[in-house]
Amino acid sequence: MPSSIYRYMLQLAASIVAAGFIFAAPVSAQTPTPSVEQFLASPTQVLRQFPNGGSRLISLIRDAVVGHQDQFQKLVDLLKTANKDQQAAFGSAFGQAAMIVVRTNQPYATLIQQAIADVGSEEASTAFAAAAGNNAIGAGGGGGGGGGGGGS
C-alpha cells in the first residue's frame, strides 16, 4: 500500500510540474513591447504585432502622444487605418494622454479630444470617454441654452 501512495504522489508532482510549464510558456513566448521610438519609426509593423489592441498598445500610443506632440497627426492618421480593436486602444490611449497633458498644455489636450471627434470612430470615441471620464477638456460641441424662469 505505501508504494501505491508513493507512486500516486510522484504522478501528482509530475503533473503539477508539467502544468507549470504549460502555463508559463505563453508568458515567456510573448514578444517584447517595442519602444515608443520603434513604434513611431514603424507604426504599421507595431499595429500588426498587436491586432487585438490591448494594454501594451495603449501604453505605446499614450506615451507617444504625451512625449511626441510633433508626431500627433501621424498617430491620428494611423488611427484612421486601424481595425476596431486597435481603434479602441487608440481611444483609450488618447483619453489617458489628454488627462495627463490637460494641466500643462490645455490646447494640446483639446486637440487630442477634437481629433477623436473628427475621426468619427465609435470604438475610439467610447474608449476615449471611458478613459477621460466626465472631465471637461475643452473640445466638443457647445452646451445648450439656459432655461427661462417663470413665475407665479
Protein backbone atom coordinates (compact mmCIF):
# COMPACT_ATOMS: atom_id res chain seq x y z
CA MET A 1 0.00 0.00 0.00
CA PRO A 2 2.71 2.55 0.81
CA SER A 3 4.26 2.06 -2.64
CA SER A 4 0.97 2.92 -4.36
CA ILE A 5 0.72 6.15 -2.33
CA TYR A 6 4.32 6.93 -3.22
CA ARG A 7 3.62 6.27 -6.92
CA TYR A 8 0.49 8.48 -6.76
CA MET A 9 2.47 11.31 -5.15
CA LEU A 10 5.12 11.09 -7.89
CA GLN A 11 2.47 11.20 -10.61
CA LEU A 12 0.80 14.17 -8.93
CA ALA A 13 4.11 16.02 -8.61
CA ALA A 14 4.93 15.32 -12.26
CA SER A 15 1.51 16.61 -13.31
CA ILE A 16 1.98 19.82 -11.33
CA VAL A 17 5.40 20.42 -12.84
CA ALA A 18 4.06 19.76 -16.36
CA ALA A 19 1.15 22.12 -15.77
CA GLY A 20 3.58 24.78 -14.60
CA PHE A 21 5.47 24.55 -17.89
CA ILE A 22 2.27 24.75 -19.91
CA PHE A 23 1.05 27.86 -18.10
CA ALA A 24 4.47 29.52 -18.09
CA ALA A 25 5.03 29.06 -21.83
CA PRO A 26 2.74 31.84 -23.06
CA VAL A 27 4.38 34.40 -20.77
CA SER A 28 7.88 33.57 -21.93
CA ALA A 29 6.69 33.39 -25.54
CA GLN A 30 5.36 36.97 -25.54
CA THR A 31 7.10 39.28 -27.91
CA PRO A 32 8.77 42.22 -26.23
CA THR A 33 6.94 45.53 -26.33
CA PRO A 34 8.63 47.89 -28.76
CA SER A 35 9.83 51.28 -27.56
CA VAL A 36 7.93 54.44 -28.44
CA GLU A 37 10.71 55.33 -30.87
CA GLN A 38 10.35 51.95 -32.60
CA PHE A 39 6.59 52.46 -32.73
CA LEU A 40 6.94 55.90 -34.32
CA ALA A 41 9.56 54.63 -36.79
CA SER A 42 7.41 51.71 -37.95
CA PRO A 43 3.84 52.17 -36.75
CA THR A 44 2.15 49.76 -39.17
CA GLN A 45 4.52 46.98 -38.14
CA VAL A 46 3.63 47.59 -34.49
CA LEU A 47 -0.09 47.51 -35.33
CA ARG A 48 0.45 44.12 -36.96
CA GLN A 49 2.10 42.99 -33.73
CA PHE A 50 -1.00 44.00 -31.72
CA PRO A 51 -4.01 43.14 -33.91
CA ASN A 52 -6.29 42.92 -30.86
CA GLY A 53 -5.24 46.22 -29.31
CA GLY A 54 -4.61 45.66 -25.63
CA SER A 55 -2.81 47.34 -22.78
CA ARG A 56 0.65 47.25 -24.32
CA LEU A 57 -0.56 49.03 -27.45
CA ILE A 58 -2.47 51.54 -25.31
CA SER A 59 0.70 52.30 -23.33
CA LEU A 60 2.74 52.78 -26.50
CA ILE A 61 0.21 55.13 -28.06
CA ARG A 62 -0.31 57.09 -24.83
CA ASP A 63 3.42 57.57 -24.34
CA ALA A 64 3.85 58.60 -27.97
CA VAL A 65 1.02 61.16 -27.74
CA VAL A 66 2.36 62.63 -24.49
CA GLY A 67 6.04 62.64 -25.40
CA HIS A 68 5.98 63.38 -29.12
CA GLN A 69 3.49 66.13 -29.84
CA ASP A 70 5.18 66.70 -33.20
CA GLN A 71 4.07 63.18 -34.25
CA PHE A 72 0.44 63.59 -33.23
CA GLN A 73 -1.02 63.93 -36.73
CA LYS A 74 0.85 60.79 -37.79
CA LEU A 75 -0.86 58.94 -34.92
CA VAL A 76 -4.28 60.31 -35.89
CA ASP A 77 -3.71 59.12 -39.46
CA LEU A 78 -2.73 55.70 -38.12
CA LEU A 79 -5.92 55.58 -36.04
CA LYS A 80 -7.92 56.01 -39.25
CA THR A 81 -6.36 52.85 -40.73
CA ALA A 82 -6.59 50.70 -37.59
CA ASN A 83 -9.08 47.89 -37.05
CA LYS A 84 -11.87 48.23 -34.47
CA ASP A 85 -9.91 46.72 -31.56
CA GLN A 86 -6.95 48.95 -32.33
CA GLN A 87 -9.24 51.99 -32.65
CA ALA A 88 -10.48 51.27 -29.12
CA ALA A 89 -6.86 51.14 -27.95
CA PHE A 90 -6.20 54.49 -29.64
CA GLY A 91 -9.27 56.00 -27.96
CA SER A 92 -8.20 54.80 -24.53
CA ALA A 93 -4.63 55.98 -25.08
CA PHE A 94 -5.74 59.37 -26.35
CA GLY A 95 -8.07 59.75 -23.35
CA GLN A 96 -5.28 58.90 -20.92
CA ALA A 97 -2.90 61.25 -22.73
CA ALA A 98 -5.41 64.11 -22.69
CA MET A 99 -5.85 63.70 -18.94
CA ILE A 100 -2.07 63.78 -18.47
CA VAL A 101 -1.44 66.92 -20.54
CA VAL A 102 -4.57 68.93 -19.70
CA ARG A 103 -2.95 70.65 -16.70
CA THR A 104 0.19 71.73 -18.52
CA ASN A 105 -0.97 72.08 -22.12
CA GLN A 106 -4.71 72.72 -22.38
CA PRO A 107 -4.63 73.47 -26.13
CA TYR A 108 -2.95 70.12 -26.85
CA ALA A 109 -5.45 68.27 -24.65
CA THR A 110 -8.24 69.95 -26.60
CA LEU A 111 -6.58 68.97 -29.89
CA ILE A 112 -6.45 65.34 -28.75
CA GLN A 113 -10.13 65.34 -27.86
CA GLN A 114 -11.10 67.08 -31.09
CA ALA A 115 -9.10 64.57 -33.14
CA ILE A 116 -11.13 61.71 -31.66
CA ALA A 117 -14.35 63.54 -32.51
CA ASP A 118 -13.17 64.29 -36.05
CA VAL A 119 -12.12 60.71 -36.84
CA GLY A 120 -15.65 59.50 -36.17
CA SER A 121 -14.77 56.06 -34.83
CA GLU A 122 -17.39 54.86 -32.37
CA GLU A 123 -14.85 52.48 -30.80
CA ALA A 124 -12.28 55.24 -30.31
CA SER A 125 -14.86 57.71 -29.00
CA THR A 126 -16.30 55.24 -26.49
CA ALA A 127 -12.85 54.25 -25.23
CA PHE A 128 -11.79 57.90 -25.03
CA ALA A 129 -14.85 58.73 -22.93
CA ALA A 130 -14.16 55.79 -20.62
CA ALA A 131 -10.53 56.85 -20.14
CA ALA A 132 -11.18 60.57 -19.73
CA GLY A 133 -14.30 60.15 -17.63
CA ASN A 134 -16.61 63.10 -17.33
CA ASN A 135 -13.78 65.58 -17.15
CA ALA A 136 -14.21 68.60 -19.38
CA ILE A 137 -11.14 69.06 -21.55
CA GLY A 138 -12.33 71.85 -23.76
CA ALA A 139 -13.34 70.45 -27.14
CA GLY A 140 -16.64 69.20 -28.35
CA GLY A 141 -19.92 70.81 -29.08
CA GLY A 142 -21.34 73.77 -27.30
CA GLY A 143 -23.73 73.49 -24.48
CA GLY A 144 -27.43 74.02 -24.70
CA GLY A 145 -29.16 77.24 -23.86
CA GLY A 146 -30.37 78.02 -20.41
CA GLY A 147 -33.94 77.63 -19.38
CA GLY A 148 -36.22 80.53 -18.75
CA GLY A 149 -37.75 81.28 -15.47
CA GLY A 150 -41.40 81.54 -14.97
CA GLY A 151 -43.16 82.74 -12.08
CA SER A 152 -46.40 82.72 -10.44
